[in-house]
Amino acid sequence: MAMRPPVTFTGSTPAEVSRFIREQVDDLSLLRRVIVELKQTRVLDVNRSELLFPGISYGHPLLPVILREAGASFNPSTLGTPPATEDGVRDFRVSAKYPWAHDRIA
């Protein structure tokens, strides 16, 4: 699957975040990373197609919802503060939610 144009989230509630990600995941490949920047959050798949969440960054109440829905590992106690790097970018890896053939194991 080729890279597609970014899709932007326009909602404002946790339920809308969950619904948006679940609907978009069908059109994406395996999710790989969640990148939190100072002014937005991006969810990228293995083909670098992305979901954009403008205005959602460190300390925003919807950020943990995005990370959970994407399957990223994170520490909730440090999520409210940006890293001490110059650009303020934090990269969260997405772990596999369902291993291959998990439904065939008895």
C-alpha atoms as a PDB file:
ATOM      1  CA  MET A   1       0.000   0.000   0.000  1.00  0.00           C
ATOM      2  CA  ALA A   2       1.389   3.398  -0.941  1.00  0.00           C
ATOM      3  CA  MET A   3       1.622   6.388   1.329  1.00  0.00           C
ATOM      4  CA  ARG A   4      -1.629   8.318   1.451  1.00  0.00           C
ATOM      5  CA  PRO A   5      -2.220  11.971   2.340  1.00  0.00           C
ATOM      6  CA  PRO A   6      -2.428  12.701   6.083  1.00  0.00           C
ATOM      7  CA  VAL A   7      -5.874  12.511   7.659  1.00  0.00           C
ATOM      8  CA  THR A   8      -6.626  15.158  10.304  1.00  0.00           C
ATOM      9  CA  PHE A   9      -8.677  14.639  13.458  1.00  0.00           C
ATOM     10  CA  THR A  10     -11.257  17.382  14.101  1.00  0.00           C
ATOM     11  CA  GLY A  11     -13.133  16.033  17.135  1.00  0.00           C
ATOM     12  CA  SER A  12     -12.824  16.965  20.782  1.00  0.00           C
ATOM     13  CA  THR A  13     -13.812  13.998  22.982  1.00  0.00           C
ATOM     14  CA  PRO A  14     -12.136  10.708  23.949  1.00  0.00           C
ATOM     15  CA  ALA A  15     -14.938   8.777  22.208  1.00  0.00           C
ATOM     16  CA  GLU A  16     -14.300  10.714  18.993  1.00  0.00           C
ATOM     17  CA  VAL A  17     -10.560   9.967  19.206  1.00  0.00           C
ATOM     18  CA  SER A  18     -11.262   6.260  19.656  1.00  0.00           C
ATOM     19  CA  ARG A  19     -13.756   6.172  16.804  1.00  0.00           C
ATOM     20  CA  PHE A  20     -11.450   8.154  14.491  1.00  0.00           C
ATOM     21  CA  ILE A  21      -8.434   5.906  15.049  1.00  0.00           C
ATOM     22  CA  ARG A  22     -10.459   2.701  14.760  1.00  0.00           C
ATOM     23  CA  GLU A  23     -12.039   3.861  11.493  1.00  0.00           C
ATOM     24  CA  GLN A  24      -8.725   5.008  10.009  1.00  0.00           C
ATOM     25  CA  VAL A  25      -6.769   1.896  11.007  1.00  0.00           C
ATOM     26  CA  ASP A  26      -8.644  -0.100   8.365  1.00  0.00           C
ATOM     27  CA  ASP A  27      -7.068   2.098   5.662  1.00  0.00           C
ATOM     28  CA  LEU A  28      -3.580   2.054   7.179  1.00  0.00           C
ATOM     29  CA  SER A  29      -0.907  -0.600   7.406  1.00  0.00           C
ATOM     30  CA  LEU A  30       0.495  -1.726  10.742  1.00  0.00           C
ATOM     31  CA  LEU A  31       0.869   1.262  13.101  1.00  0.00           C
ATOM     32  CA  ARG A  32       4.500   1.855  14.019  1.00  0.00           C
ATOM     33  CA  ARG A  33       5.037   5.178  15.874  1.00  0.00           C
ATOM     34  CA  VAL A  34       3.305   7.998  17.707  1.00  0.00           C
ATOM     35  CA  ILE A  35       5.236  11.266  17.542  1.00  0.00           C
ATOM     36  CA  VAL A  36       4.304  13.962  20.033  1.00  0.00           C
ATOM     37  CA  GLU A  37       5.456  17.439  19.098  1.00  0.00           C
ATOM     38  CA  LEU A  38       4.912  20.780  20.835  1.00  0.00           C
ATOM     39  CA  LYS A  39       1.862  21.681  18.695  1.00  0.00           C
ATOM     40  CA  GLN A  40       0.500  18.354  17.429  1.00  0.00           C
ATOM     41  CA  THR A  41       0.605  14.571  17.614  1.00  0.00           C
ATOM     42  CA  ARG A  42       1.108  12.258  14.643  1.00  0.00           C
ATOM     43  CA  VAL A  43       0.408   8.523  14.343  1.00  0.00           C
ATOM     44  CA  LEU A  44       2.433   6.826  11.581  1.00  0.00           C
ATOM     45  CA  ASP A  45       2.111   3.413  10.010  1.00  0.00           C
ATOM     46  CA  VAL A  46       4.915   1.340   8.454  1.00  0.00           C
ATOM     47  CA  ASN A  47       4.404   3.109   5.102  1.00  0.00           C
ATOM     48  CA  ARG A  48       4.680   6.545   6.776  1.00  0.00           C
ATOM     49  CA  SER A  49       1.008   7.321   6.176  1.00  0.00           C
ATOM     50  CA  GLU A  50      -0.161   9.422   9.079  1.00  0.00           C
ATOM     51  CA  LEU A  51      -3.020  10.595  11.232  1.00  0.00           C
ATOM     52  CA  LEU A  52      -2.691  14.177  12.503  1.00  0.00           C
ATOM     53  CA  PHE A  53      -4.013  15.478  15.804  1.00  0.00           C
ATOM     54  CA  PRO A  54      -3.428  19.263  15.717  1.00  0.00           C
ATOM     55  CA  GLY A  55      -3.398  21.044  19.068  1.00  0.00           C
ATOM     56  CA  ILE A  56      -3.008  17.800  21.029  1.00  0.00           C
ATOM     57  CA  SER A  57       0.356  17.712  22.765  1.00  0.00           C
ATOM     58  CA  TYR A  58       1.896  17.317  26.213  1.00  0.00           C
ATOM     59  CA  GLY A  59      -0.601  17.727  29.040  1.00  0.00           C
ATOM     60  CA  HIS A  60      -3.658  17.535  26.760  1.00  0.00           C
ATOM     61  CA  PRO A  61      -6.315  15.154  28.147  1.00  0.00           C
ATOM     62  CA  LEU A  62      -6.728  13.396  24.775  1.00  0.00           C
ATOM     63  CA  LEU A  63      -3.051  12.457  24.420  1.00  0.00           C
ATOM     64  CA  PRO A  64      -3.265   9.314  26.601  1.00  0.00           C
ATOM     65  CA  VAL A  65      -6.324   8.199  24.606  1.00  0.00           C
ATOM     66  CA  ILE A  66      -4.398   8.514  21.328  1.00  0.00           C
ATOM     67  CA  LEU A  67      -1.445   6.582  22.721  1.00  0.00           C
ATOM     68  CA  ARG A  68      -3.658   3.792  24.114  1.00  0.00           C
ATOM     69  CA  GLU A  69      -5.707   3.470  20.921  1.00  0.00           C
ATOM     70  CA  ALA A  70      -2.544   3.320  18.810  1.00  0.00           C
ATOM     71  CA  GLY A  71      -1.037   0.672  21.097  1.00  0.00           C
ATOM     72  CA  ALA A  72       1.943   2.746  22.248  1.00  0.00           C
ATOM     73  CA  SER A  73       3.777   2.105  25.504  1.00  0.00           C
ATOM     74  CA  PHE A  74       4.055   5.164  27.744  1.00  0.00           C
ATOM     75  CA  ASN A  75       4.453   6.302  31.324  1.00  0.00           C
ATOM     76  CA  PRO A  76       1.400   8.397  32.310  1.00  0.00           C
ATOM     77  CA  SER A  77       3.337  10.228  35.044  1.00  0.00           C
ATOM     78  CA  THR A  78       5.813  11.772  32.566  1.00  0.00           C
ATOM     79  CA  LEU A  79       3.369  12.401  29.743  1.00  0.00           C
ATOM     80  CA  GLY A  80       2.452  15.932  30.802  1.00  0.00           C
ATOM     81  CA  THR A  81       5.880  17.461  30.319  1.00  0.00           C
ATOM     82  CA  PRO A  82       7.833  17.771  27.072  1.00  0.00           C
ATOM     83  CA  PRO A  83      11.314  16.246  26.931  1.00  0.00           C
ATOM     84  CA  ALA A  84      14.289  18.461  27.613  1.00  0.00           C
ATOM     85  CA  THR A  85      15.366  18.307  23.978  1.00  0.00           C
ATOM     86  CA  GLU A  86      15.539  21.448  21.879  1.00  0.00           C
ATOM     87  CA  ASP A  87      12.711  20.420  19.534  1.00  0.00           C
ATOM     88  CA  GLY A  88      10.457  18.975  22.273  1.00  0.00           C
ATOM     89  CA  VAL A  89       9.664  15.872  20.219  1.00  0.00           C
ATOM     90  CA  ARG A  90       9.013  12.515  21.857  1.00  0.00           C
ATOM     91  CA  ASP A  91       8.717   9.318  19.826  1.00  0.00           C
ATOM     92  CA  PHE A  92       6.623   6.413  21.161  1.00  0.00           C
ATOM     93  CA  ARG A  93       6.923   3.001  19.543  1.00  0.00           C
ATOM     94  CA  VAL A  94       3.779   1.025  18.911  1.00  0.00           C
ATOM     95  CA  SER A  95       3.924  -2.577  19.999  1.00  0.00           C
ATOM     96  CA  ALA A  96       2.110  -5.338  18.146  1.00  0.00           C
ATOM     97  CA  LYS A  97      -1.420  -5.636  19.479  1.00  0.00           C
ATOM     98  CA  TYR A  98      -2.154  -9.073  18.057  1.00  0.00           C
ATOM     99  CA  PRO A  99       0.667 -11.469  17.263  1.00  0.00           C
ATOM    100  CA  TRP A 100       0.446 -13.414  14.046  1.00  0.00           C
ATOM    101  CA  ALA A 101      -1.754 -16.534  14.401  1.00  0.00           C
ATOM    102  CA  HIS A 102      -2.745 -15.679  17.985  1.00  0.00           C
ATOM    103  CA  ASP A 103      -6.220 -17.042  17.296  1.00  0.00           C
ATOM    104  CA  ARG A 104      -4.888 -20.481  16.344  1.00  0.00           C
ATOM    105  CA  ILE A 105      -3.207 -21.235  19.638  1.00  0.00           C
ATOM    106  CA  ALA A 106      -5.329 -23.552  21.772  1.00  0.00           C
END
